[in-house]
Amino acid sequence: MYAVLWRALPGPRWLKVVQAVALALAVVAFCFLWLFPRISPLLPFSQTTVGDDSAALFHRAEPGPSSAPTIPGSHS
């Protein structure tokens, strides 16, 4: 596919490189500015399936004052 695209671009090699980079940037800009905002309401990324009970599995205990590292010379 890329070979077909490369052969379809007119001009010498340096111009083909410039055109290919411009084309790639245009595709990325199209995706981020038009396509992704249009399809984001249809994607389930904001819908979670994790319940409240399983949240306890990922709870991380905060270190207490006895386990906190001390800095010599500090009085806190």
Foldseek 3Di string as FASTA:
>chain_A
DVVVLLVPDDDDPVVSVVVVVVVVVVVVCCCVVPVCVVCVVVDCPVPDDDDPVCVVVVDDDDDDPVPDDDDPPDDD
